[in-house]
PDB file of N, CA and C in Angstrom:
ATOM      1  N   UNK A   1      10.736  18.772  13.507  1.00  0.00           N
ATOM      2  CA  UNK A   1       9.735  18.683  12.486  1.00  0.00           C
ATOM      3  C   UNK A   1       8.598  17.811  13.010  1.00  0.00           C
ATOM      4  N   UNK A   2       7.388  18.254  12.787  1.00  0.00           N
ATOM      5  CA  UNK A   2       6.220  17.536  13.248  1.00  0.00           C
ATOM      6  C   UNK A   2       5.530  16.880  12.055  1.00  0.00           C
ATOM      7  N   UNK A   3       5.298  15.587  12.140  1.00  0.00           N
ATOM      8  CA  UNK A   3       4.660  14.846  11.061  1.00  0.00           C
ATOM      9  C   UNK A   3       3.380  14.227  11.619  1.00  0.00           C
ATOM     10  N   UNK A   4       2.283  14.382  10.891  1.00  0.00           N
ATOM     11  CA  UNK A   4       1.006  13.850  11.356  1.00  0.00           C
ATOM     12  C   UNK A   4       1.011  12.321  11.318  1.00  0.00           C
ATOM     13  N   UNK A   5       0.088  11.738  12.049  1.00  0.00           N
ATOM     14  CA  UNK A   5      -0.046  10.283  12.069  1.00  0.00           C
ATOM     15  C   UNK A   5      -0.369   9.759  10.684  1.00  0.00           C
ATOM     16  N   UNK A   6      -1.248  10.441   9.971  1.00  0.00           N
ATOM     17  CA  UNK A   6      -1.607  10.020   8.616  1.00  0.00           C
ATOM     18  C   UNK A   6      -0.368  10.013   7.720  1.00  0.00           C
ATOM     19  N   UNK A   7       0.453  11.041   7.843  1.00  0.00           N
ATOM     20  CA  UNK A   7       1.669  11.117   7.039  1.00  0.00           C
ATOM     21  C   UNK A   7       2.632   9.995   7.403  1.00  0.00           C
ATOM     22  N   UNK A   8       2.764   9.713   8.700  1.00  0.00           N
ATOM     23  CA  UNK A   8       3.648   8.627   9.139  1.00  0.00           C
ATOM     24  C   UNK A   8       3.203   7.299   8.537  1.00  0.00           C
ATOM     25  N   UNK A   9       1.901   7.016   8.580  1.00  0.00           N
ATOM     26  CA  UNK A   9       1.404   5.769   8.006  1.00  0.00           C
ATOM     27  C   UNK A   9       1.661   5.711   6.506  1.00  0.00           C
ATOM     28  N   UNK A  10       1.449   6.822   5.825  1.00  0.00           N
ATOM     29  CA  UNK A  10       1.704   6.875   4.385  1.00  0.00           C
ATOM     30  C   UNK A  10       3.160   6.634   4.066  1.00  0.00           C
ATOM     31  N   UNK A  11       4.050   7.263   4.829  1.00  0.00           N
ATOM     32  CA  UNK A  11       5.484   7.085   4.611  1.00  0.00           C
ATOM     33  C   UNK A  11       5.905   5.648   4.887  1.00  0.00           C
ATOM     34  N   UNK A  12       5.346   5.063   5.938  1.00  0.00           N
ATOM     35  CA  UNK A  12       5.674   3.672   6.264  1.00  0.00           C
ATOM     36  C   UNK A  12       5.218   2.745   5.142  1.00  0.00           C
ATOM     37  N   UNK A  13       4.021   2.988   4.602  1.00  0.00           N
ATOM     38  CA  UNK A  13       3.519   2.155   3.517  1.00  0.00           C
ATOM     39  C   UNK A  13       4.389   2.298   2.273  1.00  0.00           C
ATOM     40  N   UNK A  14       4.774   3.544   1.948  1.00  0.00           N
ATOM     41  CA  UNK A  14       5.624   3.763   0.775  1.00  0.00           C
ATOM     42  C   UNK A  14       6.977   3.088   0.955  1.00  0.00           C
ATOM     43  N   UNK A  15       7.546   3.184   2.133  1.00  0.00           N
ATOM     44  CA  UNK A  15       8.833   2.556   2.401  1.00  0.00           C
ATOM     45  C   UNK A  15       8.722   1.038   2.289  1.00  0.00           C
ATOM     46  N   UNK A  16       7.679   0.475   2.869  1.00  0.00           N
ATOM     47  CA  UNK A  16       7.489  -0.976   2.803  1.00  0.00           C
ATOM     48  C   UNK A  16       7.318  -1.441   1.358  1.00  0.00           C
ATOM     49  N   UNK A  17       6.539  -0.706   0.581  1.00  0.00           N
ATOM     50  CA  UNK A  17       6.354  -1.060  -0.826  1.00  0.00           C
ATOM     51  C   UNK A  17       7.669  -0.980  -1.588  1.00  0.00           C
ATOM     52  N   UNK A  18       8.463   0.039  -1.301  1.00  0.00           N
ATOM     53  CA  UNK A  18       9.752   0.189  -1.978  1.00  0.00           C
ATOM     54  C   UNK A  18      10.701  -0.942  -1.596  1.00  0.00           C
ATOM     55  N   UNK A  19      10.681  -1.342  -0.342  1.00  0.00           N
ATOM     56  CA  UNK A  19      11.591  -2.399   0.107  1.00  0.00           C
ATOM     57  C   UNK A  19      11.227  -3.757  -0.471  1.00  0.00           C
ATOM     58  N   UNK A  20       9.948  -4.029  -0.643  1.00  0.00           N
ATOM     59  CA  UNK A  20       9.545  -5.347  -1.132  1.00  0.00           C
ATOM     60  C   UNK A  20       9.346  -5.374  -2.637  1.00  0.00           C
ATOM     61  N   UNK A  21       9.498  -4.241  -3.300  1.00  0.00           N
ATOM     62  CA  UNK A  21       9.307  -4.179  -4.749  1.00  0.00           C
ATOM     63  C   UNK A  21      10.218  -5.184  -5.425  1.00  0.00           C
ATOM     64  N   UNK A  22       9.640  -6.027  -6.220  1.00  0.00           N
ATOM     65  CA  UNK A  22      10.414  -7.024  -6.953  1.00  0.00           C
ATOM     66  C   UNK A  22      10.795  -8.241  -6.138  1.00  0.00           C
ATOM     67  N   UNK A  23      10.374  -8.300  -4.888  1.00  0.00           N
ATOM     68  CA  UNK A  23      10.733  -9.429  -4.028  1.00  0.00           C
ATOM     69  C   UNK A  23       9.548 -10.347  -3.763  1.00  0.00           C
ATOM     70  N   UNK A  24       8.533 -10.265  -4.590  1.00  0.00           N
ATOM     71  CA  UNK A  24       7.364 -11.115  -4.392  1.00  0.00           C
ATOM     72  C   UNK A  24       6.165 -10.310  -3.965  1.00  0.00           C
ATOM     73  N   UNK A  25       5.117 -10.987  -3.517  1.00  0.00           N
ATOM     74  CA  UNK A  25       3.875 -10.295  -3.191  1.00  0.00           C
ATOM     75  C   UNK A  25       3.988  -9.416  -1.954  1.00  0.00           C
ATOM     76  N   UNK A  26       3.124  -8.431  -1.905  1.00  0.00           N
ATOM     77  CA  UNK A  26       3.029  -7.528  -0.763  1.00  0.00           C
ATOM     78  C   UNK A  26       1.926  -8.037   0.150  1.00  0.00           C
ATOM     79  N   UNK A  27       2.189  -8.128   1.443  1.00  0.00           N
ATOM     80  CA  UNK A  27       1.185  -8.557   2.413  1.00  0.00           C
ATOM     81  C   UNK A  27       0.908  -7.409   3.368  1.00  0.00           C
ATOM     82  N   UNK A  28      -0.373  -7.065   3.499  1.00  0.00           N
ATOM     83  CA  UNK A  28      -0.777  -5.955   4.361  1.00  0.00           C
ATOM     84  C   UNK A  28      -0.507  -6.271   5.832  1.00  0.00           C
ATOM     85  N   UNK A  29      -0.689  -7.510   6.229  1.00  0.00           N
ATOM     86  CA  UNK A  29      -0.406  -7.949   7.595  1.00  0.00           C
ATOM     87  C   UNK A  29       0.279  -9.308   7.540  1.00  0.00           C
ATOM     88  N   UNK A  30       0.990  -9.637   8.578  1.00  0.00           N
ATOM     89  CA  UNK A  30       1.822 -10.839   8.598  1.00  0.00           C
ATOM     90  C   UNK A  30       1.032 -12.130   8.445  1.00  0.00           C
ATOM     91  N   UNK A  31      -0.183 -12.186   9.006  1.00  0.00           N
ATOM     92  CA  UNK A  31      -0.939 -13.439   8.978  1.00  0.00           C
ATOM     93  C   UNK A  31      -1.388 -13.830   7.575  1.00  0.00           C
ATOM     94  N   UNK A  32      -1.415 -12.881   6.643  1.00  0.00           N
ATOM     95  CA  UNK A  32      -1.774 -13.225   5.266  1.00  0.00           C
ATOM     96  C   UNK A  32      -0.644 -13.962   4.566  1.00  0.00           C
ATOM     97  N   UNK A  33       0.557 -13.729   5.019  1.00  0.00           N
ATOM     98  CA  UNK A  33       1.722 -14.384   4.440  1.00  0.00           C
ATOM     99  C   UNK A  33       1.998 -15.723   5.114  1.00  0.00           C
ATOM    100  N   UNK A  34       1.829 -15.753   6.424  1.00  0.00           N
ATOM    101  CA  UNK A  34       2.194 -16.936   7.210  1.00  0.00           C
ATOM    102  C   UNK A  34       1.053 -17.299   8.149  1.00  0.00           C
ATOM    103  N   UNK A  35       0.351 -18.378   7.843  1.00  0.00           N
ATOM    104  CA  UNK A  35      -0.804 -18.790   8.657  1.00  0.00           C
ATOM    105  C   UNK A  35      -0.409 -19.108  10.089  1.00  0.00           C
ATOM    106  N   UNK A  36       0.810 -19.532  10.305  1.00  0.00           N
ATOM    107  CA  UNK A  36       1.239 -19.891  11.664  1.00  0.00           C
ATOM    108  C   UNK A  36       1.580 -18.664  12.509  1.00  0.00           C
ATOM    109  N   UNK A  37       1.519 -17.476  11.911  1.00  0.00           N
ATOM    110  CA  UNK A  37       1.840 -16.243  12.638  1.00  0.00           C
ATOM    111  C   UNK A  37       0.881 -16.012  13.802  1.00  0.00           C
ATOM    112  N   UNK A  38      -0.382 -16.429  13.636  1.00  0.00           N
ATOM    113  CA  UNK A  38      -1.392 -16.167  14.658  1.00  0.00           C
ATOM    114  C   UNK A  38      -2.215 -17.426  14.913  1.00  0.00           C
ATOM    115  N   UNK A  39      -2.471 -17.707  16.176  1.00  0.00           N
ATOM    116  CA  UNK A  39      -3.254 -18.889  16.552  1.00  0.00           C
ATOM    117  C   UNK A  39      -4.715 -18.775  16.138  1.00  0.00           C
ATOM    118  N   UNK A  40      -5.201 -17.552  15.940  1.00  0.00           N
ATOM    119  CA  UNK A  40      -6.615 -17.338  15.614  1.00  0.00           C
ATOM    120  C   UNK A  40      -6.852 -17.215  14.111  1.00  0.00           C
ATOM    121  N   UNK A  41      -5.927 -17.649  13.310  1.00  0.00           N
ATOM    122  CA  UNK A  41      -5.982 -17.472  11.865  1.00  0.00           C
ATOM    123  C   UNK A  41      -7.313 -17.930  11.266  1.00  0.00           C
ATOM    124  N   UNK A  42      -7.748 -19.124  11.608  1.00  0.00           N
ATOM    125  CA  UNK A  42      -8.937 -19.708  10.987  1.00  0.00           C
ATOM    126  C   UNK A  42     -10.225 -18.982  11.358  1.00  0.00           C
ATOM    127  N   UNK A  43     -10.277 -18.380  12.533  1.00  0.00           N
ATOM    128  CA  UNK A  43     -11.509 -17.752  13.025  1.00  0.00           C
ATOM    129  C   UNK A  43     -11.453 -16.234  13.050  1.00  0.00           C
ATOM    130  N   UNK A  44     -10.451 -15.633  12.476  1.00  0.00           N
ATOM    131  CA  UNK A  44     -10.232 -14.191  12.612  1.00  0.00           C
ATOM    132  C   UNK A  44     -11.062 -13.388  11.602  1.00  0.00           C
ATOM    133  N   UNK A  45     -11.944 -12.553  12.122  1.00  0.00           N
ATOM    134  CA  UNK A  45     -12.756 -11.696  11.263  1.00  0.00           C
ATOM    135  C   UNK A  45     -11.888 -10.605  10.649  1.00  0.00           C
ATOM    136  N   UNK A  46     -10.934 -10.084  11.398  1.00  0.00           N
ATOM    137  CA  UNK A  46     -10.061  -9.018  10.897  1.00  0.00           C
ATOM    138  C   UNK A  46      -9.244  -9.500   9.695  1.00  0.00           C
ATOM    139  N   UNK A  47      -8.856 -10.757   9.689  1.00  0.00           N
ATOM    140  CA  UNK A  47      -8.079 -11.308   8.566  1.00  0.00           C
ATOM    141  C   UNK A  47      -8.884 -11.240   7.275  1.00  0.00           C
ATOM    142  N   UNK A  48     -10.185 -11.484   7.368  1.00  0.00           N
ATOM    143  CA  UNK A  48     -11.037 -11.390   6.186  1.00  0.00           C
ATOM    144  C   UNK A  48     -11.022  -9.961   5.634  1.00  0.00           C
ATOM    145  N   UNK A  49     -11.078  -8.987   6.524  1.00  0.00           N
ATOM    146  CA  UNK A  49     -11.031  -7.581   6.105  1.00  0.00           C
ATOM    147  C   UNK A  49      -9.679  -7.269   5.483  1.00  0.00           C
ATOM    148  N   UNK A  50      -8.593  -7.707   6.122  1.00  0.00           N
ATOM    149  CA  UNK A  50      -7.250  -7.446   5.601  1.00  0.00           C
ATOM    150  C   UNK A  50      -7.039  -8.126   4.249  1.00  0.00           C
ATOM    151  N   UNK A  51      -7.660  -9.273   4.040  1.00  0.00           N
ATOM    152  CA  UNK A  51      -7.561  -9.938   2.744  1.00  0.00           C
ATOM    153  C   UNK A  51      -8.196  -9.076   1.659  1.00  0.00           C
ATOM    154  N   UNK A  52      -9.350  -8.489   1.963  1.00  0.00           N
ATOM    155  CA  UNK A  52     -10.012  -7.610   0.999  1.00  0.00           C
ATOM    156  C   UNK A  52      -9.194  -6.342   0.762  1.00  0.00           C
ATOM    157  N   UNK A  53      -8.595  -5.805   1.830  1.00  0.00           N
ATOM    158  CA  UNK A  53      -7.745  -4.618   1.687  1.00  0.00           C
ATOM    159  C   UNK A  53      -6.555  -4.938   0.798  1.00  0.00           C
ATOM    160  N   UNK A  54      -5.925  -6.068   1.039  1.00  0.00           N
ATOM    161  CA  UNK A  54      -4.768  -6.460   0.231  1.00  0.00           C
ATOM    162  C   UNK A  54      -5.145  -6.628  -1.230  1.00  0.00           C
ATOM    163  N   UNK A  55      -6.290  -7.243  -1.497  1.00  0.00           N
ATOM    164  CA  UNK A  55      -6.735  -7.419  -2.879  1.00  0.00           C
ATOM    165  C   UNK A  55      -6.984  -6.067  -3.549  1.00  0.00           C
ATOM    166  N   UNK A  56      -7.564  -5.129  -2.805  1.00  0.00           N
ATOM    167  CA  UNK A  56      -7.824  -3.790  -3.360  1.00  0.00           C
ATOM    168  C   UNK A  56      -6.517  -3.064  -3.659  1.00  0.00           C
ATOM    169  N   UNK A  57      -5.539  -3.189  -2.760  1.00  0.00           N
ATOM    170  CA  UNK A  57      -4.228  -2.555  -2.975  1.00  0.00           C
ATOM    171  C   UNK A  57      -3.586  -3.120  -4.239  1.00  0.00           C
ATOM    172  N   UNK A  58      -3.619  -4.442  -4.388  1.00  0.00           N
ATOM    173  CA  UNK A  58      -3.038  -5.074  -5.577  1.00  0.00           C
ATOM    174  C   UNK A  58      -3.714  -4.576  -6.848  1.00  0.00           C
ATOM    175  N   UNK A  59      -5.050  -4.468  -6.805  1.00  0.00           N
ATOM    176  CA  UNK A  59      -5.783  -4.009  -7.990  1.00  0.00           C
ATOM    177  C   UNK A  59      -5.382  -2.587  -8.367  1.00  0.00           C
ATOM    178  N   UNK A  60      -5.307  -1.705  -7.387  1.00  0.00           N
ATOM    179  CA  UNK A  60      -4.979  -0.306  -7.664  1.00  0.00           C
ATOM    180  C   UNK A  60      -3.538  -0.182  -8.144  1.00  0.00           C
ATOM    181  N   UNK A  61      -2.603  -0.775  -7.413  1.00  0.00           N
ATOM    182  CA  UNK A  61      -1.198  -0.656  -7.791  1.00  0.00           C
ATOM    183  C   UNK A  61      -0.899  -1.349  -9.112  1.00  0.00           C
ATOM    184  N   UNK A  62      -1.662  -2.379  -9.426  1.00  0.00           N
ATOM    185  CA  UNK A  62      -1.465  -3.074 -10.681  1.00  0.00           C
ATOM    186  C   UNK A  62      -2.040  -2.343 -11.885  1.00  0.00           C
ATOM    187  N   UNK A  63      -2.906  -1.373 -11.625  1.00  0.00           N
ATOM    188  CA  UNK A  63      -3.568  -0.689 -12.732  1.00  0.00           C
ATOM    189  C   UNK A  63      -3.022   0.706 -13.017  1.00  0.00           C
ATOM    190  N   UNK A  64      -2.128   1.199 -12.177  1.00  0.00           N
ATOM    191  CA  UNK A  64      -1.593   2.553 -12.348  1.00  0.00           C
ATOM    192  C   UNK A  64      -0.079   2.480 -12.495  1.00  0.00           C
ATOM    193  N   UNK A  65       0.429   3.219 -13.463  1.00  0.00           N
ATOM    194  CA  UNK A  65       1.875   3.286 -13.639  1.00  0.00           C
ATOM    195  C   UNK A  65       2.346   4.719 -13.441  1.00  0.00           C
ATOM    196  N   UNK A  66       3.627   4.890 -13.252  1.00  0.00           N
ATOM    197  CA  UNK A  66       4.175   6.241 -13.166  1.00  0.00           C
ATOM    198  C   UNK A  66       3.943   6.987 -14.471  1.00  0.00           C
ATOM    199  N   UNK A  67       3.976   6.267 -15.580  1.00  0.00           N
ATOM    200  CA  UNK A  67       3.711   6.895 -16.871  1.00  0.00           C
ATOM    201  C   UNK A  67       2.285   7.441 -16.926  1.00  0.00           C
ATOM    202  N   UNK A  68       1.331   6.705 -16.379  1.00  0.00           N
ATOM    203  CA  UNK A  68      -0.053   7.190 -16.301  1.00  0.00           C
ATOM    204  C   UNK A  68      -0.141   8.480 -15.497  1.00  0.00           C
ATOM    205  N   UNK A  69       0.541   8.499 -14.363  1.00  0.00           N
ATOM    206  CA  UNK A  69       0.521   9.675 -13.501  1.00  0.00           C
ATOM    207  C   UNK A  69       1.175  10.864 -14.197  1.00  0.00           C
ATOM    208  N   UNK A  70       2.299  10.621 -14.854  1.00  0.00           N
ATOM    209  CA  UNK A  70       2.993  11.698 -15.560  1.00  0.00           C
ATOM    210  C   UNK A  70       2.127  12.240 -16.688  1.00  0.00           C
ATOM    211  N   UNK A  71       1.440  11.368 -17.395  1.00  0.00           N
ATOM    212  CA  UNK A  71       0.570  11.793 -18.491  1.00  0.00           C
ATOM    213  C   UNK A  71      -0.582  12.653 -17.973  1.00  0.00           C
ATOM    214  N   UNK A  72      -1.122  12.324 -16.813  1.00  0.00           N
ATOM    215  CA  UNK A  72      -2.192  13.131 -16.222  1.00  0.00           C
ATOM    216  C   UNK A  72      -1.716  14.542 -15.924  1.00  0.00           C
ATOM    217  N   UNK A  73      -0.472  14.659 -15.455  1.00  0.00           N
ATOM    218  CA  UNK A  73       0.082  15.980 -15.164  1.00  0.00           C
ATOM    219  C   UNK A  73       0.356  16.736 -16.462  1.00  0.00           C
ATOM    220  N   UNK A  74       0.948  16.058 -17.434  1.00  0.00           N
ATOM    221  CA  UNK A  74       1.284  16.705 -18.708  1.00  0.00           C
ATOM    222  C   UNK A  74       0.039  17.189 -19.447  1.00  0.00           C
ATOM    223  N   UNK A  75      -1.020  16.421 -19.372  1.00  0.00           N
ATOM    224  CA  UNK A  75      -2.229  16.781 -20.108  1.00  0.00           C
ATOM    225  C   UNK A  75      -3.053  17.850 -19.387  1.00  0.00           C
ATOM    226  N   UNK A  76      -2.645  18.198 -18.181  1.00  0.00           N
ATOM    227  CA  UNK A  76      -3.351  19.235 -17.434  1.00  0.00           C
ATOM    228  C   UNK A  76      -4.530  18.717 -16.630  1.00  0.00           C
ATOM    229  N   UNK A  77      -4.756  17.406 -16.639  1.00  0.00           N
ATOM    230  CA  UNK A  77      -5.858  16.828 -15.862  1.00  0.00           C
ATOM    231  C   UNK A  77      -5.602  16.943 -14.360  1.00  0.00           C
ATOM    232  N   UNK A  78      -4.364  16.828 -13.979  1.00  0.00           N
ATOM    233  CA  UNK A  78      -3.986  16.874 -12.560  1.00  0.00           C
ATOM    234  C   UNK A  78      -2.836  17.849 -12.383  1.00  0.00           C
ATOM    235  N   UNK A  79      -2.738  18.371 -11.190  1.00  0.00           N
ATOM    236  CA  UNK A  79      -1.631  19.272 -10.866  1.00  0.00           C
ATOM    237  C   UNK A  79      -0.554  18.478 -10.161  1.00  0.00           C
ATOM    238  N   UNK A  80       0.675  18.943 -10.327  1.00  0.00           N
ATOM    239  CA  UNK A  80       1.748  18.336  -9.551  1.00  0.00           C
ATOM    240  C   UNK A  80       1.590  18.815  -8.118  1.00  0.00           C
ATOM    241  N   UNK A  81       2.011  18.007  -7.215  1.00  0.00           N
ATOM    242  CA  UNK A  81       1.914  18.346  -5.799  1.00  0.00           C
ATOM    243  C   UNK A  81       3.315  18.431  -5.243  1.00  0.00           C
ATOM    244  N   UNK A  82       3.591  19.471  -4.516  1.00  0.00           N
ATOM    245  CA  UNK A  82       4.878  19.637  -3.868  1.00  0.00           C
ATOM    246  C   UNK A  82       4.737  19.178  -2.425  1.00  0.00           C
ATOM    247  N   UNK A  83       5.520  18.189  -2.067  1.00  0.00           N
ATOM    248  CA  UNK A  83       5.513  17.682  -0.703  1.00  0.00           C
ATOM    249  C   UNK A  83       6.681  18.272   0.046  1.00  0.00           C
ATOM    250  N   UNK A  84       6.440  18.690   1.253  1.00  0.00           N
ATOM    251  CA  UNK A  84       7.508  19.225   2.075  1.00  0.00           C
ATOM    252  C   UNK A  84       7.542  18.457   3.385  1.00  0.00           C
ATOM    253  N   UNK A  85       8.725  18.045   3.755  1.00  0.00           N
ATOM    254  CA  UNK A  85       8.878  17.328   5.013  1.00  0.00           C
ATOM    255  C   UNK A  85       9.803  18.122   5.896  1.00  0.00           C
TER     256      UNK A  85
END
């Protein structure tokens, strides 16, 4: 079976979210959780970007529920999608 890179990243993100669900905050990269992870923490431009990405992920995941998604399908606003692996 051939899986695209985009699909692999999506699956990895879903798995990581499932594993950490209920275990505290989600960190997009290790340095956001542990400042000692990287020596360049204080001067890292990429960390600033990852901080914004993490905040956006929290906002989106915090504002959508499975019930919201199910209601969109039931009301006909969205179609169900069949995923095949």
